[in-house]
Amino acid sequence: MLTLSIDENGVIAGGICIGEQAKDIISMIALLIKMEADIYKVEDFVPAYPSSMGLPFAAIRKAVKRYHKLENV
């Protein structure tokens, strides 16, 4: 399970991850937070496959779609 916290500007502010690969995923999220990465800049990044590193970016792409729907309302 992965939950991301994204501020009103689309910047990744935090995250929670539970599971076998949680430490690796949290490390990637921590890096994105330190970089002050926004979801629009990293949504197209595709990590090596197969790996658990795809999970944060799948969540980011989902968040971008959700933000687009909110903007169009």
PDB file of N, CA and C in Angstrom:
ATOM      1  N   MET A   1       0.841  -1.170   0.000  1.00  0.00           N
ATOM      2  CA  MET A   1       0.000   0.000   0.000  1.00  0.00           C
ATOM      3  C   MET A   1       0.888   1.236   0.000  1.00  0.00           C
ATOM      4  N   LEU A   2       0.500   2.219  -0.773  1.00  0.00           N
ATOM      5  CA  LEU A   2       1.235   3.480  -0.851  1.00  0.00           C
ATOM      6  C   LEU A   2       0.247   4.636  -0.873  1.00  0.00           C
ATOM      7  N   THR A   3       0.493   5.619  -0.036  1.00  0.00           N
ATOM      8  CA  THR A   3      -0.288   6.850  -0.030  1.00  0.00           C
ATOM      9  C   THR A   3       0.684   8.017  -0.103  1.00  0.00           C
ATOM     10  N   LEU A   4       0.435   8.934  -1.023  1.00  0.00           N
ATOM     11  CA  LEU A   4       1.269  10.127  -1.153  1.00  0.00           C
ATOM     12  C   LEU A   4       0.511  11.345  -0.666  1.00  0.00           C
ATOM     13  N   SER A   5       1.244  12.273  -0.085  1.00  0.00           N
ATOM     14  CA  SER A   5       0.682  13.560   0.307  1.00  0.00           C
ATOM     15  C   SER A   5       1.229  14.597  -0.670  1.00  0.00           C
ATOM     16  N   ILE A   6       0.324  15.324  -1.301  1.00  0.00           N
ATOM     17  CA  ILE A   6       0.707  16.305  -2.317  1.00  0.00           C
ATOM     18  C   ILE A   6       0.081  17.634  -1.946  1.00  0.00           C
ATOM     19  N   ASP A   7       0.892  18.704  -1.921  1.00  0.00           N
ATOM     20  CA  ASP A   7       0.348  20.001  -1.528  1.00  0.00           C
ATOM     21  C   ASP A   7      -0.441  20.643  -2.669  1.00  0.00           C
ATOM     22  N   GLU A   8      -0.988  21.832  -2.413  1.00  0.00           N
ATOM     23  CA  GLU A   8      -1.855  22.500  -3.386  1.00  0.00           C
ATOM     24  C   GLU A   8      -1.143  22.899  -4.675  1.00  0.00           C
ATOM     25  N   ASN A   9       0.197  22.916  -4.652  1.00  0.00           N
ATOM     26  CA  ASN A   9       0.963  23.251  -5.855  1.00  0.00           C
ATOM     27  C   ASN A   9       1.420  22.009  -6.619  1.00  0.00           C
ATOM     28  N   GLY A  10       1.020  20.831  -6.142  1.00  0.00           N
ATOM     29  CA  GLY A  10       1.421  19.592  -6.796  1.00  0.00           C
ATOM     30  C   GLY A  10       2.773  19.079  -6.341  1.00  0.00           C
ATOM     31  N   VAL A  11       3.341  19.646  -5.286  1.00  0.00           N
ATOM     32  CA  VAL A  11       4.646  19.211  -4.776  1.00  0.00           C
ATOM     33  C   VAL A  11       4.438  18.053  -3.806  1.00  0.00           C
ATOM     34  N   ILE A  12       5.257  17.028  -3.953  1.00  0.00           N
ATOM     35  CA  ILE A  12       5.157  15.859  -3.090  1.00  0.00           C
ATOM     36  C   ILE A  12       5.640  16.247  -1.691  1.00  0.00           C
ATOM     37  N   ALA A  13       4.755  16.083  -0.700  1.00  0.00           N
ATOM     38  CA  ALA A  13       5.049  16.534   0.657  1.00  0.00           C
ATOM     39  C   ALA A  13       5.302  15.383   1.629  1.00  0.00           C
ATOM     40  N   GLY A  14       4.892  14.173   1.276  1.00  0.00           N
ATOM     41  CA  GLY A  14       5.080  13.045   2.180  1.00  0.00           C
ATOM     42  C   GLY A  14       4.521  11.780   1.582  1.00  0.00           C
ATOM     43  N   GLY A  15       4.692  10.699   2.317  1.00  0.00           N
ATOM     44  CA  GLY A  15       4.163   9.431   1.848  1.00  0.00           C
ATOM     45  C   GLY A  15       4.230   8.365   2.913  1.00  0.00           C
ATOM     46  N   ILE A  16       3.362   7.386   2.778  1.00  0.00           N
ATOM     47  CA  ILE A  16       3.319   6.233   3.669  1.00  0.00           C
ATOM     48  C   ILE A  16       3.310   4.992   2.797  1.00  0.00           C
ATOM     49  N   CYS A  17       4.126   4.023   3.166  1.00  0.00           N
ATOM     50  CA  CYS A  17       4.177   2.790   2.397  1.00  0.00           C
ATOM     51  C   CYS A  17       4.267   1.609   3.351  1.00  0.00           C
ATOM     52  N   ILE A  18       3.482   0.577   3.060  1.00  0.00           N
ATOM     53  CA  ILE A  18       3.491  -0.646   3.855  1.00  0.00           C
ATOM     54  C   ILE A  18       3.690  -1.814   2.893  1.00  0.00           C
ATOM     55  N   GLY A  19       4.610  -2.683   3.219  1.00  0.00           N
ATOM     56  CA  GLY A  19       4.832  -3.864   2.391  1.00  0.00           C
ATOM     57  C   GLY A  19       6.287  -4.287   2.388  1.00  0.00           C
ATOM     58  N   GLU A  20       6.563  -5.347   1.650  1.00  0.00           N
ATOM     59  CA  GLU A  20       7.913  -5.916   1.619  1.00  0.00           C
ATOM     60  C   GLU A  20       8.967  -4.942   1.104  1.00  0.00           C
ATOM     61  N   GLN A  21       8.640  -4.173   0.114  1.00  0.00           N
ATOM     62  CA  GLN A  21       9.605  -3.258  -0.505  1.00  0.00           C
ATOM     63  C   GLN A  21       9.466  -1.822   0.010  1.00  0.00           C
ATOM     64  N   ALA A  22       8.808  -1.639   1.135  1.00  0.00           N
ATOM     65  CA  ALA A  22       8.508  -0.298   1.649  1.00  0.00           C
ATOM     66  C   ALA A  22       9.761   0.561   1.825  1.00  0.00           C
ATOM     67  N   LYS A  23      10.844  -0.016   2.336  1.00  0.00           N
ATOM     68  CA  LYS A  23      12.047   0.794   2.582  1.00  0.00           C
ATOM     69  C   LYS A  23      12.609   1.363   1.281  1.00  0.00           C
ATOM     70  N   ASP A  24      12.559   0.602   0.202  1.00  0.00           N
ATOM     71  CA  ASP A  24      13.057   1.098  -1.083  1.00  0.00           C
ATOM     72  C   ASP A  24      12.147   2.191  -1.638  1.00  0.00           C
ATOM     73  N   ILE A  25      10.853   1.981  -1.517  1.00  0.00           N
ATOM     74  CA  ILE A  25       9.885   2.945  -2.031  1.00  0.00           C
ATOM     75  C   ILE A  25       9.944   4.239  -1.242  1.00  0.00           C
ATOM     76  N   ILE A  26      10.034   4.131   0.092  1.00  0.00           N
ATOM     77  CA  ILE A  26      10.129   5.328   0.940  1.00  0.00           C
ATOM     78  C   ILE A  26      11.411   6.097   0.632  1.00  0.00           C
ATOM     79  N   SER A  27      12.492   5.399   0.328  1.00  0.00           N
ATOM     80  CA  SER A  27      13.741   6.085  -0.039  1.00  0.00           C
ATOM     81  C   SER A  27      13.541   6.933  -1.290  1.00  0.00           C
ATOM     82  N   MET A  28      12.830   6.402  -2.281  1.00  0.00           N
ATOM     83  CA  MET A  28      12.558   7.154  -3.507  1.00  0.00           C
ATOM     84  C   MET A  28      11.654   8.352  -3.207  1.00  0.00           C
ATOM     85  N   ILE A  29      10.646   8.147  -2.381  1.00  0.00           N
ATOM     86  CA  ILE A  29       9.755   9.251  -2.015  1.00  0.00           C
ATOM     87  C   ILE A  29      10.524  10.322  -1.253  1.00  0.00           C
ATOM     88  N   ALA A  30      11.418   9.912  -0.345  1.00  0.00           N
ATOM     89  CA  ALA A  30      12.236  10.880   0.406  1.00  0.00           C
ATOM     90  C   ALA A  30      13.097  11.709  -0.539  1.00  0.00           C
ATOM     91  N   LEU A  31      13.643  11.077  -1.556  1.00  0.00           N
ATOM     92  CA  LEU A  31      14.441  11.811  -2.543  1.00  0.00           C
ATOM     93  C   LEU A  31      13.582  12.822  -3.291  1.00  0.00           C
ATOM     94  N   LEU A  32      12.389  12.421  -3.694  1.00  0.00           N
ATOM     95  CA  LEU A  32      11.483  13.336  -4.398  1.00  0.00           C
ATOM     96  C   LEU A  32      11.082  14.511  -3.508  1.00  0.00           C
ATOM     97  N   ILE A  33      10.869  14.244  -2.216  1.00  0.00           N
ATOM     98  CA  ILE A  33      10.538  15.320  -1.280  1.00  0.00           C
ATOM     99  C   ILE A  33      11.704  16.276  -1.152  1.00  0.00           C
ATOM    100  N   LYS A  34      12.911  15.738  -0.976  1.00  0.00           N
ATOM    101  CA  LYS A  34      14.111  16.585  -0.840  1.00  0.00           C
ATOM    102  C   LYS A  34      14.322  17.440  -2.086  1.00  0.00           C
ATOM    103  N   MET A  35      14.001  16.897  -3.256  1.00  0.00           N
ATOM    104  CA  MET A  35      14.143  17.637  -4.517  1.00  0.00           C
ATOM    105  C   MET A  35      13.013  18.644  -4.718  1.00  0.00           C
ATOM    106  N   GLU A  36      12.003  18.603  -3.821  1.00  0.00           N
ATOM    107  CA  GLU A  36      10.804  19.430  -3.967  1.00  0.00           C
ATOM    108  C   GLU A  36      10.164  19.199  -5.336  1.00  0.00           C
ATOM    109  N   ALA A  37      10.119  17.913  -5.699  1.00  0.00           N
ATOM    110  CA  ALA A  37       9.587  17.522  -7.008  1.00  0.00           C
ATOM    111  C   ALA A  37       8.076  17.687  -7.040  1.00  0.00           C
ATOM    112  N   ASP A  38       7.604  18.225  -8.156  1.00  0.00           N
ATOM    113  CA  ASP A  38       6.154  18.274  -8.305  1.00  0.00           C
ATOM    114  C   ASP A  38       5.714  17.141  -9.223  1.00  0.00           C
ATOM    115  N   ILE A  39       4.470  16.766  -9.084  1.00  0.00           N
ATOM    116  CA  ILE A  39       3.973  15.590  -9.786  1.00  0.00           C
ATOM    117  C   ILE A  39       4.001  15.749 -11.299  1.00  0.00           C
ATOM    118  N   TYR A  40       3.948  16.974 -11.777  1.00  0.00           N
ATOM    119  CA  TYR A  40       3.932  17.208 -13.224  1.00  0.00           C
ATOM    120  C   TYR A  40       5.316  16.996 -13.844  1.00  0.00           C
ATOM    121  N   LYS A  41       6.375  17.215 -13.050  1.00  0.00           N
ATOM    122  CA  LYS A  41       7.732  17.033 -13.575  1.00  0.00           C
ATOM    123  C   LYS A  41       8.167  15.581 -13.580  1.00  0.00           C
ATOM    124  N   VAL A  42       7.623  14.771 -12.689  1.00  0.00           N
ATOM    125  CA  VAL A  42       8.090  13.388 -12.579  1.00  0.00           C
ATOM    126  C   VAL A  42       7.091  12.356 -13.079  1.00  0.00           C
ATOM    127  N   GLU A  43       5.930  12.782 -13.546  1.00  0.00           N
ATOM    128  CA  GLU A  43       4.901  11.819 -13.946  1.00  0.00           C
ATOM    129  C   GLU A  43       5.321  10.927 -15.110  1.00  0.00           C
ATOM    130  N   ASP A  44       6.206  11.379 -15.975  1.00  0.00           N
ATOM    131  CA  ASP A  44       6.600  10.591 -17.145  1.00  0.00           C
ATOM    132  C   ASP A  44       7.818   9.704 -16.906  1.00  0.00           C
ATOM    133  N   PHE A  45       8.400   9.781 -15.709  1.00  0.00           N
ATOM    134  CA  PHE A  45       9.570   8.954 -15.402  1.00  0.00           C
ATOM    135  C   PHE A  45       9.156   7.487 -15.328  1.00  0.00           C
ATOM    136  N   VAL A  46       9.904   6.635 -15.989  1.00  0.00           N
ATOM    137  CA  VAL A  46       9.630   5.194 -15.955  1.00  0.00           C
ATOM    138  C   VAL A  46      10.879   4.499 -15.428  1.00  0.00           C
ATOM    139  N   PRO A  47      10.809   3.939 -14.213  1.00  0.00           N
ATOM    140  CA  PRO A  47      11.975   3.241 -13.649  1.00  0.00           C
ATOM    141  C   PRO A  47      12.190   1.890 -14.311  1.00  0.00           C
ATOM    142  N   ALA A  48      13.304   1.263 -13.986  1.00  0.00           N
ATOM    143  CA  ALA A  48      13.584  -0.078 -14.508  1.00  0.00           C
ATOM    144  C   ALA A  48      12.449  -1.020 -14.144  1.00  0.00           C
ATOM    145  N   TYR A  49      12.139  -1.915 -15.068  1.00  0.00           N
ATOM    146  CA  TYR A  49      11.026  -2.828 -14.844  1.00  0.00           C
ATOM    147  C   TYR A  49      11.529  -4.254 -14.916  1.00  0.00           C
ATOM    148  N   PRO A  50      11.103  -5.167 -14.141  1.00  0.00           N
ATOM    149  CA  PRO A  50      10.157  -5.018 -13.034  1.00  0.00           C
ATOM    150  C   PRO A  50      10.887  -4.611 -11.761  1.00  0.00           C
ATOM    151  N   SER A  51      10.321  -3.703 -11.031  1.00  0.00           N
ATOM    152  CA  SER A  51      10.858  -3.317  -9.732  1.00  0.00           C
ATOM    153  C   SER A  51       9.771  -2.615  -8.929  1.00  0.00           C
ATOM    154  N   SER A  52      10.022  -2.502  -7.656  1.00  0.00           N
ATOM    155  CA  SER A  52       9.064  -1.815  -6.787  1.00  0.00           C
ATOM    156  C   SER A  52       9.119  -0.309  -6.983  1.00  0.00           C
ATOM    157  N   MET A  53      10.134   0.177  -7.682  1.00  0.00           N
ATOM    158  CA  MET A  53      10.274   1.623  -7.897  1.00  0.00           C
ATOM    159  C   MET A  53       9.178   2.179  -8.797  1.00  0.00           C
ATOM    160  N   GLY A  54       8.461   1.325  -9.481  1.00  0.00           N
ATOM    161  CA  GLY A  54       7.375   1.787 -10.326  1.00  0.00           C
ATOM    162  C   GLY A  54       6.165   2.243  -9.529  1.00  0.00           C
ATOM    163  N   LEU A  55       6.026   1.753  -8.301  1.00  0.00           N
ATOM    164  CA  LEU A  55       4.850   2.071  -7.494  1.00  0.00           C
ATOM    165  C   LEU A  55       4.685   3.562  -7.211  1.00  0.00           C
ATOM    166  N   PRO A  56       5.732   4.281  -6.747  1.00  0.00           N
ATOM    167  CA  PRO A  56       5.539   5.717  -6.508  1.00  0.00           C
ATOM    168  C   PRO A  56       5.141   6.476  -7.774  1.00  0.00           C
ATOM    169  N   PHE A  57       5.709   6.101  -8.901  1.00  0.00           N
ATOM    170  CA  PHE A  57       5.432   6.826 -10.130  1.00  0.00           C
ATOM    171  C   PHE A  57       4.049   6.497 -10.682  1.00  0.00           C
ATOM    172  N   ALA A  58       3.569   5.282 -10.428  1.00  0.00           N
ATOM    173  CA  ALA A  58       2.192   4.945 -10.786  1.00  0.00           C
ATOM    174  C   ALA A  58       1.222   5.780  -9.942  1.00  0.00           C
ATOM    175  N   ALA A  59       1.542   5.943  -8.656  1.00  0.00           N
ATOM    176  CA  ALA A  59       0.710   6.775  -7.775  1.00  0.00           C
ATOM    177  C   ALA A  59       0.747   8.239  -8.210  1.00  0.00           C
ATOM    178  N   ILE A  60       1.898   8.703  -8.661  1.00  0.00           N
ATOM    179  CA  ILE A  60       2.029  10.087  -9.131  1.00  0.00           C
ATOM    180  C   ILE A  60       1.186  10.293 -10.387  1.00  0.00           C
ATOM    181  N   ARG A  61       1.246   9.344 -11.328  1.00  0.00           N
ATOM    182  CA  ARG A  61       0.432   9.468 -12.541  1.00  0.00           C
ATOM    183  C   ARG A  61      -1.059   9.481 -12.209  1.00  0.00           C
ATOM    184  N   LYS A  62      -1.454   8.681 -11.229  1.00  0.00           N
ATOM    185  CA  LYS A  62      -2.845   8.663 -10.786  1.00  0.00           C
ATOM    186  C   LYS A  62      -3.235  10.010 -10.177  1.00  0.00           C
ATOM    187  N   ALA A  63      -2.328  10.599  -9.397  1.00  0.00           N
ATOM    188  CA  ALA A  63      -2.595  11.908  -8.789  1.00  0.00           C
ATOM    189  C   ALA A  63      -2.723  12.993  -9.855  1.00  0.00           C
ATOM    190  N   VAL A  64      -1.895  12.932 -10.888  1.00  0.00           N
ATOM    191  CA  VAL A  64      -1.974  13.919 -11.965  1.00  0.00           C
ATOM    192  C   VAL A  64      -3.337  13.845 -12.642  1.00  0.00           C
ATOM    193  N   LYS A  65      -3.806  12.638 -12.915  1.00  0.00           N
ATOM    194  CA  LYS A  65      -5.131  12.474 -13.529  1.00  0.00           C
ATOM    195  C   LYS A  65      -6.207  13.054 -12.622  1.00  0.00           C
ATOM    196  N   ARG A  66      -6.070  12.824 -11.319  1.00  0.00           N
ATOM    197  CA  ARG A  66      -7.059  13.328 -10.365  1.00  0.00           C
ATOM    198  C   ARG A  66      -7.035  14.857 -10.339  1.00  0.00           C
ATOM    199  N   TYR A  67      -5.843  15.459 -10.362  1.00  0.00           N
ATOM    200  CA  TYR A  67      -5.727  16.924 -10.380  1.00  0.00           C
ATOM    201  C   TYR A  67      -6.329  17.506 -11.650  1.00  0.00           C
ATOM    202  N   HIS A  68      -6.118  16.850 -12.793  1.00  0.00           N
ATOM    203  CA  HIS A  68      -6.678  17.327 -14.053  1.00  0.00           C
ATOM    204  C   HIS A  68      -8.205  17.332 -14.001  1.00  0.00           C
ATOM    205  N   LYS A  69      -8.787  16.282 -13.404  1.00  0.00           N
ATOM    206  CA  LYS A  69     -10.242  16.225 -13.275  1.00  0.00           C
ATOM    207  C   LYS A  69     -10.748  17.363 -12.405  1.00  0.00           C
ATOM    208  N   LEU A  70     -10.024  17.665 -11.317  1.00  0.00           N
ATOM    209  CA  LEU A  70     -10.443  18.766 -10.428  1.00  0.00           C
ATOM    210  C   LEU A  70     -10.361  20.116 -11.119  1.00  0.00           C
ATOM    211  N   GLU A  71      -9.347  20.289 -11.952  1.00  0.00           N
ATOM    212  CA  GLU A  71      -9.161  21.560 -12.663  1.00  0.00           C
ATOM    213  C   GLU A  71     -10.258  21.777 -13.698  1.00  0.00           C
ATOM    214  N   ASN A  72     -10.806  20.698 -14.249  1.00  0.00           N
ATOM    215  CA  ASN A  72     -11.815  20.807 -15.301  1.00  0.00           C
ATOM    216  C   ASN A  72     -13.240  20.924 -14.769  1.00  0.00           C
ATOM    217  N   VAL A  73     -13.402  20.905 -13.454  1.00  0.00           N
ATOM    218  CA  VAL A  73     -14.742  20.999 -12.856  1.00  0.00           C
ATOM    219  C   VAL A  73     -15.147  22.427 -12.729  1.00  0.00           C
TER     220      VAL A  73
END
